[in-house]
Each structure stands twice: as structure tokens, then as C-alpha cells.
Amino acid sequence: MYIPDAFAETGLDRLHSLIEAYDFAMLITNGEPAPTVSHLPFVLDRENGPNGTLQAHMARSNPHWQSFAGEALVVFRGPHSYISPTWYEPDAPAVPTWNYAVVEAYGTPRIVDDAQQLRAQQERLVATHEAGRSPSWTMADQPPAYIDAMLRGIVAFEIPIARLEGKFKLNQNRSTTDRQHVAQALATGGSEDGQALARLMSAN
């Protein structure tokens, strides 16, 4: 990923936080004759390894997992928005741009063969997304034979993160006043992405 110095984000906690907030990501691996992509929900285990470990699964009928070899790329795309030049100070020419935040995680996938580990991984995914819901859904409340059949229909894997790259393009190349004006316009513009970008700009 092309990352100008002004837009580089290296803080591990901020990179992890974006992964967790935007956890439906693109898994990309080398394939023949072209790269192979799957769109999957991921769970981040922050404590497993120096950069954390990603956990995911896909349908067993998806041939992607059969070609896992070498390093994979997982792209987590955070909030993004068009930026109008009308939000800048009017004393200098400017052109439109696009602000965004994205994290790329690199590592080698490894299949989870152990049945207990596979189930635990799925229980963690469910717990992550059922948190705060009432009533909530749990695997334990379902017929065991049904859950066993569902688990046989997926392939679980994990990716120890070898390296992380973050690009938070948040008008760092503009004046403080311009950045404040942009953040205010995004915060009041009504879109969820714009509001999320405004919060990132304020925290940056």
C-alpha cells in the first residue's frame, strides 16, 4: 500500500481498534490465474502474538481454503468520505479529495483442524456480535446434531499477523484550521462514515 509519511498510522492499539470496528474484511491470496478474494467476518485475538492473530472461517464448499499457501493479505476498510474544497479556508486554491482509514494485515493462514478449537472460535465470533442483544443467540441453545452439522460445513483458520500497515488519510497535509473545518463538516453532515472520520480526525 502506498503510504505517504503524513498518513502513516503505526500505533498498534489504533490499528487493532479499526480492525475490531470494521471486522468484515477482504481476504486476498495468490491464485491461478488471478488473485483469490473472499469477504469474511474476522475476530482479532490481540494477545496472541506480537501483532495479534486473526480468526475466521469460510464455507467448506468455497475452494479458496484449498489453495492457502504463502502470505495472505486481509484488508480492513474503515470510514471514508468525499472532502469538498469548500470546507477549507478560501484564501488558496484546492481540489476535492477523499479521506479514509484502512488497515492491511499480512500473515500465513493455517487451518484449524481441532474440533474443539473450531467450535471455540465460532462461539467467540457469535459472542462478539451477540453482545448486548436481548434475547441473544447461543450455540449451546441449539440442537447438538444441528450445530455439529453446521460446523462440518465450514473450514476455520487463523492468521498470525506478521505485519500491519495502516493508512489514516485525514488531511494531515492541511493546516490545523482546515482540518478543524473538515472535521466539523463531516461531523454535521449526517453520514455515519463522516462522523466516524470526524472522530478519528479529532483523536489524531
Protein backbone atom coordinates (compact mmCIF):
# COMPACT_ATOMS: atom_id res chain seq x y z
CA MET A 1 0.00 0.00 0.00
CA TYR A 2 1.27 3.44 -0.88
CA ILE A 3 1.54 5.38 2.40
CA PRO A 4 2.94 8.94 2.43
CA ASP A 5 4.63 9.66 5.76
CA ALA A 6 1.93 12.16 6.76
CA PHE A 7 -0.77 9.48 6.55
CA ALA A 8 1.10 6.56 8.15
CA GLU A 9 -0.52 5.07 11.26
CA THR A 10 1.73 2.80 13.32
CA GLY A 11 0.03 2.77 16.71
CA LEU A 12 -0.85 -0.86 17.39
CA ASP A 13 -3.85 -0.04 19.57
CA ARG A 14 -5.33 2.26 16.91
CA LEU A 15 -4.74 -0.34 14.19
CA HIS A 16 -6.35 -3.04 16.33
CA SER A 17 -9.28 -0.78 17.15
CA LEU A 18 -10.03 -0.19 13.48
CA ILE A 19 -9.84 -3.94 12.77
CA GLU A 20 -12.34 -4.62 15.55
CA ALA A 21 -14.69 -1.83 14.49
CA TYR A 22 -14.64 -2.81 10.78
CA ASP A 23 -14.21 -6.56 11.08
CA PHE A 24 -15.85 -7.64 7.81
CA ALA A 25 -12.82 -7.72 5.54
CA MET A 26 -11.31 -8.96 2.30
CA LEU A 27 -9.01 -11.99 2.43
CA ILE A 28 -6.71 -11.96 -0.60
CA THR A 29 -4.29 -14.72 -1.57
CA ASN A 30 -2.24 -15.52 -4.63
CA GLY A 31 -4.17 -17.73 -7.01
CA GLU A 32 -4.07 -19.13 -10.52
CA PRO A 33 -4.57 -17.42 -12.87
CA ALA A 34 -5.55 -14.43 -10.70
CA PRO A 35 -5.66 -13.43 -7.04
CA THR A 36 -8.41 -15.06 -4.98
CA VAL A 37 -10.65 -12.98 -2.72
CA SER A 38 -13.17 -13.92 -0.03
CA HIS A 39 -15.24 -11.48 2.03
CA LEU A 40 -15.38 -12.69 5.63
CA PRO A 41 -16.00 -11.65 9.23
CA PHE A 42 -12.84 -11.74 11.35
CA VAL A 43 -12.20 -11.82 15.08
CA LEU A 44 -8.95 -10.36 16.39
CA ASP A 45 -7.12 -12.00 19.28
CA ARG A 46 -4.96 -9.08 20.39
CA GLU A 47 -2.91 -11.10 22.86
CA ASN A 48 -1.87 -13.97 20.58
CA GLY A 49 1.43 -12.91 19.03
CA PRO A 50 3.24 -9.56 18.85
CA ASN A 51 0.69 -8.14 16.37
CA GLY A 52 -2.26 -10.31 17.29
CA THR A 53 -3.92 -13.19 15.43
CA LEU A 54 -6.93 -13.09 13.14
CA GLN A 55 -9.57 -15.82 13.28
CA ALA A 56 -12.09 -16.55 10.53
CA HIS A 57 -13.92 -19.27 8.66
CA MET A 58 -15.46 -19.88 5.27
CA ALA A 59 -17.84 -22.40 3.72
CA ARG A 60 -16.17 -25.74 3.07
CA SER A 61 -17.60 -25.53 -0.46
CA ASN A 62 -15.56 -22.37 -1.06
CA PRO A 63 -12.39 -23.61 -2.86
CA HIS A 64 -10.37 -20.67 -1.56
CA TRP A 65 -9.13 -22.51 1.54
CA GLN A 66 -7.74 -25.35 -0.55
CA SER A 67 -5.13 -23.04 -2.04
CA PHE A 68 -3.83 -21.47 1.17
CA ALA A 69 -0.08 -21.19 0.63
CA GLY A 70 2.30 -18.42 1.48
CA GLU A 71 1.41 -15.00 2.78
CA ALA A 72 -2.15 -13.65 2.64
CA LEU A 73 -3.44 -10.10 2.83
CA VAL A 74 -6.51 -9.05 4.83
CA VAL A 75 -7.86 -5.57 4.11
CA PHE A 76 -9.96 -3.81 6.75
CA ARG A 77 -11.55 -0.71 5.27
CA GLY A 78 -12.64 1.84 7.82
CA PRO A 79 -14.71 5.00 7.35
CA HIS A 80 -14.28 7.07 4.20
CA SER A 81 -15.79 10.19 2.70
CA TYR A 82 -15.55 12.76 -0.07
CA ILE A 83 -13.90 16.00 1.05
CA SER A 84 -15.09 19.22 -0.56
CA PRO A 85 -12.65 22.12 -1.12
CA THR A 86 -15.41 24.41 0.12
CA TRP A 87 -14.60 23.20 3.64
CA TYR A 88 -11.10 24.71 3.50
CA GLU A 89 -10.07 28.28 4.13
CA PRO A 90 -10.91 30.29 0.98
CA ASP A 91 -7.52 32.00 0.55
CA ALA A 92 -5.80 29.28 -1.51
CA PRO A 93 -6.79 27.07 -4.47
CA ALA A 94 -7.68 23.47 -3.62
CA VAL A 95 -9.17 20.39 -5.24
CA PRO A 96 -11.53 17.71 -3.91
CA THR A 97 -10.06 14.67 -2.19
CA TRP A 98 -11.14 11.57 -0.29
CA ASN A 99 -10.39 10.88 3.37
CA TYR A 100 -10.28 7.32 4.66
CA ALA A 101 -8.74 4.90 7.11
CA VAL A 102 -7.59 1.40 6.16
CA VAL A 103 -5.52 -1.35 7.78
CA GLU A 104 -3.77 -4.15 5.92
CA ALA A 105 -2.77 -7.28 7.84
CA TYR A 106 -0.29 -9.79 6.41
CA GLY A 107 0.31 -13.36 7.53
CA THR A 108 0.16 -17.01 6.55
CA PRO A 109 -3.21 -18.76 7.08
CA ARG A 110 -3.27 -22.06 8.91
CA ILE A 111 -6.28 -24.38 9.01
CA VAL A 112 -7.85 -25.18 12.38
CA ASP A 113 -8.28 -28.96 12.39
CA ASP A 114 -9.09 -29.50 16.06
CA ALA A 115 -12.87 -29.79 16.55
CA GLN A 116 -12.86 -28.16 19.99
CA GLN A 117 -10.75 -25.25 18.78
CA LEU A 118 -13.03 -24.79 15.76
CA ARG A 119 -16.12 -24.70 17.97
CA ALA A 120 -14.49 -22.30 20.41
CA GLN A 121 -13.60 -19.98 17.53
CA GLN A 122 -17.21 -19.90 16.34
CA GLU A 123 -18.51 -19.35 19.86
CA ARG A 124 -16.22 -16.36 20.18
CA LEU A 125 -17.46 -14.92 16.87
CA VAL A 126 -21.07 -15.35 17.97
CA ALA A 127 -20.41 -13.85 21.41
CA THR A 128 -18.72 -10.84 19.83
CA HIS A 129 -21.73 -9.99 17.70
CA GLU A 130 -24.48 -11.08 20.10
CA ALA A 131 -23.07 -8.94 22.93
CA GLY A 132 -25.70 -6.57 24.25
CA ARG A 133 -28.60 -8.24 22.44
CA SER A 134 -31.66 -9.35 24.36
CA PRO A 135 -32.55 -12.06 23.74
CA SER A 136 -29.21 -13.30 22.50
CA TRP A 137 -28.47 -16.39 20.40
CA THR A 138 -26.02 -19.05 21.55
CA MET A 139 -24.79 -22.27 20.05
CA ALA A 140 -25.48 -24.03 23.34
CA ASP A 141 -29.22 -23.42 22.93
CA GLN A 142 -29.37 -25.25 19.59
CA PRO A 143 -29.77 -28.99 18.95
CA PRO A 144 -26.27 -30.53 19.18
CA ALA A 145 -26.68 -32.54 15.98
CA TYR A 146 -27.65 -29.40 14.08
CA ILE A 147 -24.62 -27.43 15.32
CA ASP A 148 -22.30 -30.36 14.59
CA ALA A 149 -23.60 -30.48 11.02
CA MET A 150 -23.14 -26.73 10.59
CA LEU A 151 -19.58 -26.92 11.91
CA ARG A 152 -18.76 -29.71 9.48
CA GLY A 153 -19.80 -27.39 6.68
CA ILE A 154 -17.13 -24.78 7.37
CA VAL A 155 -13.36 -24.51 7.40
CA ALA A 156 -11.90 -22.43 10.21
CA PHE A 157 -8.46 -20.86 10.05
CA GLU A 158 -6.29 -18.33 11.79
CA ILE A 159 -3.69 -15.86 10.58
CA PRO A 160 -0.90 -14.84 12.97
CA ILE A 161 -0.27 -11.25 11.90
CA ALA A 162 3.30 -10.91 10.64
CA ARG A 163 2.95 -7.19 9.94
CA LEU A 164 0.35 -4.43 9.92
CA GLU A 165 0.16 -1.37 7.69
CA GLY A 166 -2.17 1.50 8.46
CA LYS A 167 -3.09 4.49 6.35
CA PHE A 168 -5.24 7.14 8.01
CA LYS A 169 -5.65 9.88 5.38
CA LEU A 170 -7.19 12.64 7.48
CA ASN A 171 -5.99 15.91 5.93
CA GLN A 172 -2.72 15.83 7.88
CA ASN A 173 -1.18 17.72 4.94
CA ARG A 174 -3.53 20.69 5.50
CA SER A 175 -3.47 23.46 8.09
CA THR A 176 -4.93 22.98 11.56
CA THR A 177 -7.77 25.33 10.64
CA ASP A 178 -8.58 23.34 7.50
CA ARG A 179 -8.58 20.09 9.45
CA GLN A 180 -10.93 21.59 12.03
CA HIS A 181 -13.30 22.82 9.32
CA VAL A 182 -13.30 19.42 7.61
CA ALA A 183 -13.92 17.55 10.86
CA GLN A 184 -16.82 19.86 11.68
CA ALA A 185 -18.36 19.45 8.23
CA LEU A 186 -18.05 15.66 8.46
CA ALA A 187 -19.48 15.58 11.98
CA THR A 188 -22.57 17.53 10.96
CA GLY A 189 -23.03 16.03 7.50
CA GLY A 190 -25.29 13.21 8.67
CA SER A 191 -23.40 10.14 7.36
CA GLU A 192 -22.06 7.54 9.78
CA ASP A 193 -18.76 7.34 7.89
CA GLY A 194 -18.38 11.10 8.05
CA GLN A 195 -18.99 11.16 11.79
CA ALA A 196 -16.52 8.31 12.31
CA LEU A 197 -13.90 10.17 10.26
CA ALA A 198 -14.53 13.31 12.30
CA ARG A 199 -13.86 11.34 15.49
CA LEU A 200 -10.64 9.92 14.03
CA MET A 201 -9.51 13.40 12.98
CA SER A 202 -10.20 14.76 16.46
CA ALA A 203 -8.25 11.91 18.05
CA ASN A 204 -5.31 12.15 15.64
